[in-house]
Protein backbone atom coordinates (compact mmCIF):
# COMPACT_ATOMS: atom_id res chain seq x y z
CA UNK A 1 63.65 60.68 95.80
CA UNK A 2 66.76 60.59 93.62
CA UNK A 3 66.63 64.37 93.26
CA UNK A 4 66.82 64.75 97.04
CA UNK A 5 69.89 62.49 97.17
CA UNK A 6 71.62 64.58 94.48
CA UNK A 7 70.78 67.77 96.40
CA UNK A 8 72.18 66.29 99.62
CA UNK A 9 75.34 65.34 97.72
CA UNK A 10 75.57 68.86 96.28
CA UNK A 11 75.26 70.43 99.72
CA UNK A 12 77.84 68.05 101.18
CA UNK A 13 80.27 68.85 98.34
CA UNK A 14 79.71 72.59 98.76
CA UNK A 15 80.44 72.30 102.46
CA UNK A 16 83.51 70.21 101.65
CA UNK A 17 84.76 73.00 99.37
CA UNK A 18 84.87 75.29 102.38
CA UNK A 19 87.54 73.03 103.89
CA UNK A 20 89.76 72.90 100.81
CA UNK A 21 91.82 75.49 98.98
CA UNK A 22 91.57 73.84 95.58
CA UNK A 23 88.50 75.52 94.08
CA UNK A 24 87.59 72.15 92.59
CA UNK A 25 84.99 70.41 94.71
CA UNK A 26 82.41 73.16 94.11
CA UNK A 27 82.20 72.19 90.44
CA UNK A 28 81.15 68.68 91.42
CA UNK A 29 78.47 70.26 93.61
CA UNK A 30 77.23 72.08 90.50
CA UNK A 31 77.18 68.77 88.65
CA UNK A 32 75.17 67.19 91.45
CA UNK A 33 72.63 70.03 91.28
CA UNK A 34 72.33 69.54 87.53
CA UNK A 35 71.80 65.80 88.09
CA UNK A 36 69.13 66.66 90.67
CA UNK A 37 67.40 68.68 87.96
CA UNK A 38 67.57 65.72 85.60
CA UNK A 39 66.12 63.49 88.31
CA UNK A 40 63.33 65.98 88.99
CA UNK A 41 62.46 65.93 85.28
CA UNK A 42 62.08 62.16 85.47
CA UNK A 43 65.22 61.01 83.66
CA UNK A 44 66.74 57.69 84.65
CA UNK A 45 69.88 57.11 86.72
CA UNK A 46 72.11 56.68 83.65
CA UNK A 47 71.13 60.10 82.31
CA UNK A 48 71.56 61.63 85.77
CA UNK A 49 75.10 60.25 86.05
CA UNK A 50 75.93 61.47 82.54
CA UNK A 51 74.58 64.95 83.39
CA UNK A 52 76.58 64.94 86.64
CA UNK A 53 79.79 63.96 84.82
CA UNK A 54 79.25 66.35 81.93
CA UNK A 55 78.42 69.41 84.01
CA UNK A 56 81.21 68.69 86.51
CA UNK A 57 83.79 68.11 83.79
CA UNK A 58 82.79 71.07 81.66
CA UNK A 59 82.70 73.46 84.61
CA UNK A 60 86.13 72.30 85.78
CA UNK A 61 87.55 72.65 82.28
CA UNK A 62 85.91 75.99 81.47
CA UNK A 63 85.53 77.89 84.74
CA UNK A 64 88.38 76.77 87.00
CA UNK A 65 91.18 78.29 84.87
CA UNK A 66 89.34 81.61 84.75
CA UNK A 67 88.78 81.65 88.52
CA UNK A 68 92.40 80.70 89.26
CA UNK A 69 93.71 83.36 86.88
CA UNK A 70 91.76 86.04 88.73
CA UNK A 71 92.70 84.65 92.16
CA UNK A 72 96.46 85.07 91.64
CA UNK A 73 98.21 87.75 93.63
CA UNK A 74 99.43 90.98 92.08
CA UNK A 75 103.02 89.81 92.61
CA UNK A 76 102.36 86.74 90.45
CA UNK A 77 100.61 88.68 87.68
CA UNK A 78 102.93 91.70 87.64
CA UNK A 79 100.08 94.09 88.40
CA UNK A 80 100.19 96.95 90.89
CA UNK A 81 99.81 95.53 94.41
CA UNK A 82 97.19 97.02 96.71
CA UNK A 83 95.81 96.35 100.17
CA UNK A 84 97.73 93.86 102.26
CA UNK A 85 99.92 92.80 99.32
CA UNK A 86 101.24 96.37 99.07
CA UNK A 87 102.45 96.34 102.69
CA UNK A 88 105.18 93.74 102.14
CA UNK A 89 108.22 95.48 100.70
CA UNK A 90 107.08 98.94 101.76
CA UNK A 91 109.12 101.33 103.88
CA UNK A 92 108.25 102.51 107.36
CA UNK A 93 109.57 104.73 110.12
CA UNK A 94 109.99 103.40 113.64
CA UNK A 95 107.75 105.24 116.11
CA UNK A 96 108.27 103.06 119.19
CA UNK A 97 111.39 100.92 119.60
CA UNK A 98 111.06 97.69 117.61
CA UNK A 99 112.44 94.47 119.07
CA UNK A 100 111.54 90.83 118.71
CA UNK A 101 108.70 91.30 121.22
CA UNK A 102 107.18 94.72 120.61
CA UNK A 103 107.32 97.91 118.60
CA UNK A 104 105.40 100.31 116.40
CA UNK A 105 106.13 101.75 112.97
CA UNK A 106 104.36 104.18 110.68
CA UNK A 107 103.69 103.19 107.05
CA UNK A 108 102.10 105.84 104.84
CA UNK A 109 100.64 107.60 107.86
CA UNK A 110 99.23 104.43 109.45
CA UNK A 111 100.55 102.90 112.66
CA UNK A 112 101.39 99.19 112.59
CA UNK A 113 102.56 96.83 115.32
CA UNK A 114 106.02 95.66 114.38
CA UNK A 115 108.56 93.04 115.35
CA UNK A 116 112.12 92.52 114.26
CA UNK A 117 112.25 89.93 111.46
CA UNK A 118 114.98 87.85 113.11
CA UNK A 119 113.79 88.58 116.64
CA UNK A 120 117.26 89.81 117.65
CA UNK A 121 117.73 93.23 116.08
CA UNK A 122 116.48 96.40 117.69
CA UNK A 123 115.38 99.49 115.78
CA UNK A 124 115.27 102.90 117.46
CA UNK A 125 112.58 105.55 116.92
CA UNK A 126 113.27 107.42 113.69
CA UNK A 127 115.01 104.46 112.00
CA UNK A 128 113.80 103.60 108.53
CA UNK A 129 112.84 99.95 108.04
CA UNK A 130 111.42 97.75 105.30
CA UNK A 131 108.47 95.41 105.83
CA UNK A 132 109.61 91.88 105.07
CA UNK A 133 106.48 89.96 106.04
CA UNK A 134 102.99 90.56 107.33
CA UNK A 135 101.59 88.29 110.06
CA UNK A 136 98.04 89.20 110.91
CA UNK A 137 98.12 92.85 112.02
CA UNK A 138 101.83 92.76 112.82
CA UNK A 139 104.61 93.53 110.36
CA UNK A 140 108.03 91.93 110.52
CA UNK A 141 110.69 94.49 109.64
CA UNK A 142 114.34 94.54 108.67
CA UNK A 143 116.96 97.14 107.82
CA UNK A 144 116.01 99.37 104.91
CA UNK A 145 118.95 98.19 102.81
CA UNK A 146 117.07 95.51 100.88
CA UNK A 147 116.61 96.01 97.14
CA UNK A 148 113.22 97.28 95.95
CA UNK A 149 110.71 94.53 95.40
């Protein structure tokens, strides 16, 4: 019966991890699964709690730094950006007039919906702009006089 309670706790913690951005709660779910294993093997509650604490603590100490190191963006690590990270700071050419409400630019041969970064400026077709921010599938652009990022 105790093993079932540990498994329920593990599932609840794993679901809770889905609602956090800490990458921490999942390690306690792993500890709960290990404690469920100890309970299934017939160990007493004290041993189960020690297994839970040990596995949770060791996994946080050993695995979390590795996961966080690999989860950092290319801008933070100094590596070559790719995908969405590479869009911010890139140059584009206005295809359809860009205002605060609508517009279209071309970046490396791909068309992107665009809006003026401050919502006030207007960019005419043929103008060169720099992507300041990416919001969903829309880029916010500004004059191409910013320094290279």
